[in-house]
């Protein structure tokens, strides 16, 4: 098999989110194959392209109408393909950077806010009720809370143990996942991988949002999707609060016992 393709496949995130794992990330590898060696194109430029495509998709959502919704669904997927490409190309060229990772993650967060804000507004225009706006607001707030609680917990732990980040880095290195599927593996191995990936849909993270948003736009079922979005994020937001709180309390008790 083509060596360049194999090298690009090796850049694929080993713990991709649900939809990106077997749809947008593989598509991104095909796109990356065409442009990975174009020196004038940088990973940060692709990140910016992903963000601008996401903003454009939100404008089509706000414009409303079945045709605009279909275009928006395509653009949302294209944005996520670009979002996978930036990291793939950076790893392929061995130019990964902290600033690039920061830029990528911040724009990802903004995209989620823009997308669901646009869907909430479009559903409001359709229904004539403000309920979809509140659903999108609640969903975005609790989705942001999932990340915020994690970093608050890290800050609290660092104030007590200055080596906490080093311990996290070591645990991540130890738990680093091995490649279990791809062009170097047979049909059965890839089938087992594909089936095992389906459980990730229950995480309701950005990879699931891409699917949820595009499907609701194609079917023109915005408010039901917002109910799923808001309720899932409320659950995970509250769960993350208690999870991090319990971990902090447990670590605190361990230090007292020592």
Protein backbone atom coordinates (compact mmCIF):
# COMPACT_ATOMS: atom_id res chain seq x y z
CA UNK A 1 0.00 0.00 0.00
CA UNK A 2 1.10 3.60 -0.65
CA UNK A 3 3.66 4.61 2.00
CA UNK A 4 2.40 8.20 2.19
CA UNK A 5 -1.14 7.01 2.90
CA UNK A 6 0.11 4.69 5.63
CA UNK A 7 2.08 7.52 7.23
CA UNK A 8 -1.00 9.73 7.18
CA UNK A 9 -3.14 6.97 8.67
CA UNK A 10 -0.65 6.71 11.53
CA UNK A 11 -1.34 10.40 12.31
CA UNK A 12 -5.00 9.64 12.98
CA UNK A 13 -5.94 10.23 16.61
CA UNK A 14 -6.02 6.83 18.31
CA UNK A 15 -8.88 7.93 20.57
CA UNK A 16 -11.04 9.89 18.14
CA UNK A 17 -14.59 10.84 19.06
CA UNK A 18 -17.48 8.75 17.75
CA UNK A 19 -18.36 10.17 14.31
CA UNK A 20 -14.88 11.47 13.59
CA UNK A 21 -13.36 8.05 14.34
CA UNK A 22 -14.82 6.26 11.31
CA UNK A 23 -16.20 9.07 9.13
CA UNK A 24 -14.65 12.55 9.23
CA UNK A 25 -11.10 11.53 10.26
CA UNK A 26 -10.75 8.94 7.45
CA UNK A 27 -12.15 11.50 5.00
CA UNK A 28 -9.62 14.01 6.34
CA UNK A 29 -6.81 11.56 5.58
CA UNK A 30 -7.90 11.49 1.93
CA UNK A 31 -7.95 15.31 1.84
CA UNK A 32 -4.61 15.45 3.66
CA UNK A 33 -3.09 13.08 1.11
CA UNK A 34 -3.63 15.75 -1.55
CA UNK A 35 -2.24 18.73 0.39
CA UNK A 36 0.08 17.36 3.10
CA UNK A 37 3.19 18.21 1.07
CA UNK A 38 2.03 21.68 -0.01
CA UNK A 39 4.56 23.80 1.89
CA UNK A 40 2.56 27.03 1.67
CA UNK A 41 -0.37 25.47 3.55
CA UNK A 42 0.09 25.34 7.32
CA UNK A 43 -1.94 23.42 9.95
CA UNK A 44 -2.98 26.74 11.55
CA UNK A 45 -4.36 27.92 8.21
CA UNK A 46 -6.43 24.74 8.02
CA UNK A 47 -7.69 25.37 11.56
CA UNK A 48 -8.77 28.84 10.47
CA UNK A 49 -10.44 27.37 7.37
CA UNK A 50 -12.33 24.93 9.59
CA UNK A 51 -13.54 27.79 11.79
CA UNK A 52 -14.61 29.98 8.85
CA UNK A 53 -16.48 27.03 7.31
CA UNK A 54 -18.27 26.50 10.63
CA UNK A 55 -19.28 30.18 10.75
CA UNK A 56 -20.54 29.96 7.16
CA UNK A 57 -22.63 26.89 8.03
CA UNK A 58 -24.18 28.80 10.94
CA UNK A 59 -25.19 31.60 8.57
CA UNK A 60 -27.00 29.10 6.36
CA UNK A 61 -28.78 27.72 9.45
CA UNK A 62 -29.94 31.20 10.44
CA UNK A 63 -31.12 31.86 6.88
CA UNK A 64 -33.49 28.91 7.23
CA UNK A 65 -35.19 26.72 4.67
CA UNK A 66 -34.65 23.11 3.67
CA UNK A 67 -32.05 23.91 0.99
CA UNK A 68 -30.02 26.12 3.34
CA UNK A 69 -30.25 23.47 6.06
CA UNK A 70 -28.87 20.84 3.67
CA UNK A 71 -25.99 23.13 2.67
CA UNK A 72 -25.31 23.83 6.35
CA UNK A 73 -25.19 20.08 7.13
CA UNK A 74 -22.60 19.57 4.38
CA UNK A 75 -20.55 22.54 5.58
CA UNK A 76 -20.63 21.29 9.18
CA UNK A 77 -19.12 18.00 8.04
CA UNK A 78 -16.58 19.79 5.86
CA UNK A 79 -15.59 21.97 8.83
CA UNK A 80 -15.00 18.88 10.93
CA UNK A 81 -12.95 17.24 8.17
CA UNK A 82 -10.71 20.33 8.17
CA UNK A 83 -10.63 20.14 11.97
CA UNK A 84 -9.20 16.62 11.72
CA UNK A 85 -6.79 17.59 8.94
CA UNK A 86 -4.86 20.26 10.86
CA UNK A 87 -3.62 17.81 13.49
CA UNK A 88 -2.98 15.06 10.93
CA UNK A 89 -0.81 17.30 8.77
CA UNK A 90 1.04 18.71 11.78
CA UNK A 91 1.88 15.18 12.96
CA UNK A 92 2.74 14.06 9.41
CA UNK A 93 5.22 16.94 9.08
CA UNK A 94 6.35 16.57 12.72
CA UNK A 95 5.50 20.24 13.35
CA UNK A 96 2.94 19.83 16.15
CA UNK A 97 2.96 22.78 18.55
CA UNK A 98 1.32 23.87 21.79
CA UNK A 99 0.06 27.08 20.16
CA UNK A 100 -1.53 25.11 17.31
CA UNK A 101 -3.26 22.79 19.77
CA UNK A 102 -4.52 25.79 21.74
CA UNK A 103 -5.85 27.54 18.63
CA UNK A 104 -7.56 24.32 17.52
CA UNK A 105 -9.30 23.66 20.84
CA UNK A 106 -10.47 27.22 21.37
CA UNK A 107 -12.01 27.43 17.90
CA UNK A 108 -13.69 24.05 18.47
CA UNK A 109 -15.39 25.43 21.57
CA UNK A 110 -16.52 28.57 19.77
CA UNK A 111 -17.88 26.51 16.87
CA UNK A 112 -20.14 24.49 19.18
CA UNK A 113 -21.54 27.72 20.66
CA UNK A 114 -22.13 29.22 17.21
CA UNK A 115 -23.75 26.08 15.80
CA UNK A 116 -26.21 25.49 18.61
CA UNK A 117 -26.93 29.19 18.96
CA UNK A 118 -27.84 29.28 15.27
CA UNK A 119 -29.99 26.15 15.56
CA UNK A 120 -31.76 27.59 18.62
CA UNK A 121 -32.53 30.78 16.68
CA UNK A 122 -33.73 28.87 13.59
CA UNK A 123 -35.98 26.65 15.72
CA UNK A 124 -37.33 29.77 17.45
CA UNK A 125 -38.31 31.24 14.07
CA UNK A 126 -40.00 27.98 13.11
CA UNK A 127 -41.91 27.40 16.34
CA UNK A 128 -42.59 30.95 17.51
CA UNK A 129 -41.59 29.96 21.05
CA UNK A 130 -38.40 30.77 22.96
CA UNK A 131 -38.07 27.18 24.25
CA UNK A 132 -35.45 26.19 21.61
CA UNK A 133 -33.34 29.21 22.59
CA UNK A 134 -33.37 28.13 26.24
CA UNK A 135 -32.55 24.53 25.25
CA UNK A 136 -29.55 25.62 23.20
CA UNK A 137 -28.41 27.96 25.99
CA UNK A 138 -28.67 25.23 28.63
CA UNK A 139 -26.88 22.74 26.38
CA UNK A 140 -23.99 25.08 25.56
CA UNK A 141 -23.66 26.17 29.19
CA UNK A 142 -23.42 22.63 30.54
CA UNK A 143 -21.16 21.52 27.67
CA UNK A 144 -18.78 24.33 28.62
CA UNK A 145 -19.13 23.34 32.28
CA UNK A 146 -17.84 19.85 31.46
CA UNK A 147 -14.50 21.33 30.46
CA UNK A 148 -14.47 24.12 33.06
CA UNK A 149 -14.92 21.74 35.99
CA UNK A 150 -12.00 19.63 34.79
CA UNK A 151 -9.63 22.59 34.69
CA UNK A 152 -10.84 23.92 38.04
CA UNK A 153 -10.11 20.49 39.52
CA UNK A 154 -6.62 20.52 37.98
CA UNK A 155 -5.98 23.99 39.44
CA UNK A 156 -7.14 22.88 42.90
CA UNK A 157 -4.91 19.80 42.76
CA UNK A 158 -1.91 21.85 41.57
CA UNK A 159 -2.29 24.27 44.48
CA UNK A 160 -1.94 21.31 46.82
CA UNK A 161 0.57 19.24 44.84
CA UNK A 162 2.93 21.09 42.49
CA UNK A 163 3.92 17.84 40.77
CA UNK A 164 0.29 17.01 39.86
CA UNK A 165 0.70 17.87 36.16
CA UNK A 166 3.75 15.63 35.93
CA UNK A 167 1.73 12.77 37.39
CA UNK A 168 -1.06 13.37 34.86
CA UNK A 169 1.46 13.40 32.00
CA UNK A 170 2.95 10.10 33.20
CA UNK A 171 -0.47 8.44 33.47
CA UNK A 172 -1.40 9.62 29.96
CA UNK A 173 1.84 8.21 28.59
CA UNK A 174 1.24 4.86 30.29
CA UNK A 175 -2.36 4.63 29.06
CA UNK A 176 -1.51 5.64 25.48
CA UNK A 177 -3.59 3.51 23.13
CA UNK A 178 -2.05 1.23 20.55
CA UNK A 179 -3.22 1.12 16.93
CA UNK A 180 -5.84 -1.63 16.58
CA UNK A 181 -7.29 -0.94 13.12
CA UNK A 182 -6.54 0.54 9.75
CA UNK A 183 -5.04 -0.46 6.40
CA UNK A 184 -2.41 -2.66 8.05
CA UNK A 185 -5.12 -4.81 9.68
CA UNK A 186 -7.51 -7.39 8.27
CA UNK A 187 -11.28 -7.19 7.78
CA UNK A 188 -12.23 -8.85 11.08
CA UNK A 189 -9.91 -6.62 13.10
CA UNK A 190 -11.39 -3.52 11.50
CA UNK A 191 -14.93 -4.80 12.01
CA UNK A 192 -14.26 -5.41 15.71
CA UNK A 193 -12.78 -1.90 15.97
CA UNK A 194 -15.79 -0.37 14.19
CA UNK A 195 -18.29 -2.12 16.47
CA UNK A 196 -16.34 -1.18 19.60
CA UNK A 197 -16.34 2.48 18.52
CA UNK A 198 -20.16 2.65 18.57
CA UNK A 199 -20.29 2.86 22.37
CA UNK A 200 -18.68 6.30 22.11
CA UNK A 201 -22.00 7.73 20.93
CA UNK A 202 -23.07 7.79 24.58
CA UNK A 203 -20.38 10.37 25.40
CA UNK A 204 -22.31 13.12 23.56
CA UNK A 205 -19.19 15.09 22.71
CA UNK A 206 -18.25 17.11 19.63
CA UNK A 207 -18.00 14.07 17.38
CA UNK A 208 -21.61 13.18 18.23
CA UNK A 209 -22.70 16.81 17.78
CA UNK A 210 -21.57 16.76 14.14
CA UNK A 211 -23.90 13.84 13.46
CA UNK A 212 -26.77 15.23 15.56
CA UNK A 213 -26.63 18.68 13.98
CA UNK A 214 -26.42 17.51 10.39
CA UNK A 215 -29.15 14.86 10.81
CA UNK A 216 -31.53 17.32 12.47
CA UNK A 217 -30.93 19.83 9.67
CA UNK A 218 -31.51 17.28 6.90
CA UNK A 219 -34.72 16.04 8.61
CA UNK A 220 -35.69 19.56 9.73
CA UNK A 221 -36.16 18.36 13.32
CA UNK A 222 -34.30 21.04 15.25
CA UNK A 223 -36.20 21.21 18.54
CA UNK A 224 -36.13 17.43 19.25
CA UNK A 225 -32.37 17.49 18.68
CA UNK A 226 -32.03 20.43 21.09
CA UNK A 227 -33.87 18.44 23.75
CA UNK A 228 -31.34 15.61 23.34
CA UNK A 229 -28.45 18.08 23.35
CA UNK A 230 -29.53 20.00 26.47
CA UNK A 231 -30.51 16.94 28.52
CA UNK A 232 -27.31 15.03 27.66
CA UNK A 233 -25.10 18.01 28.53
CA UNK A 234 -26.95 18.61 31.80
CA UNK A 235 -26.36 14.99 32.74
CA UNK A 236 -22.66 15.03 31.88
CA UNK A 237 -22.12 18.47 33.40
CA UNK A 238 -23.56 17.40 36.75
CA UNK A 239 -21.78 14.04 36.53
CA UNK A 240 -18.44 15.76 35.90
CA UNK A 241 -18.98 18.03 38.95
CA UNK A 242 -19.46 15.07 41.28
CA UNK A 243 -16.77 13.00 39.57
CA UNK A 244 -14.09 15.68 39.97
CA UNK A 245 -15.27 16.56 43.48
CA UNK A 246 -15.07 12.92 44.55
CA UNK A 247 -11.58 12.57 43.07
CA UNK A 248 -10.36 15.70 44.88
CA UNK A 249 -11.83 14.46 48.16
CA UNK A 250 -10.26 11.03 47.71
CA UNK A 251 -6.81 12.49 46.94
CA UNK A 252 -7.17 14.81 49.92
CA UNK A 253 -7.97 11.88 52.21
CA UNK A 254 -4.98 9.94 50.83
CA UNK A 255 -2.62 12.80 51.69
CA UNK A 256 -4.07 13.06 55.22
CA UNK A 257 -3.56 9.34 55.80
CA UNK A 258 0.08 9.64 54.71
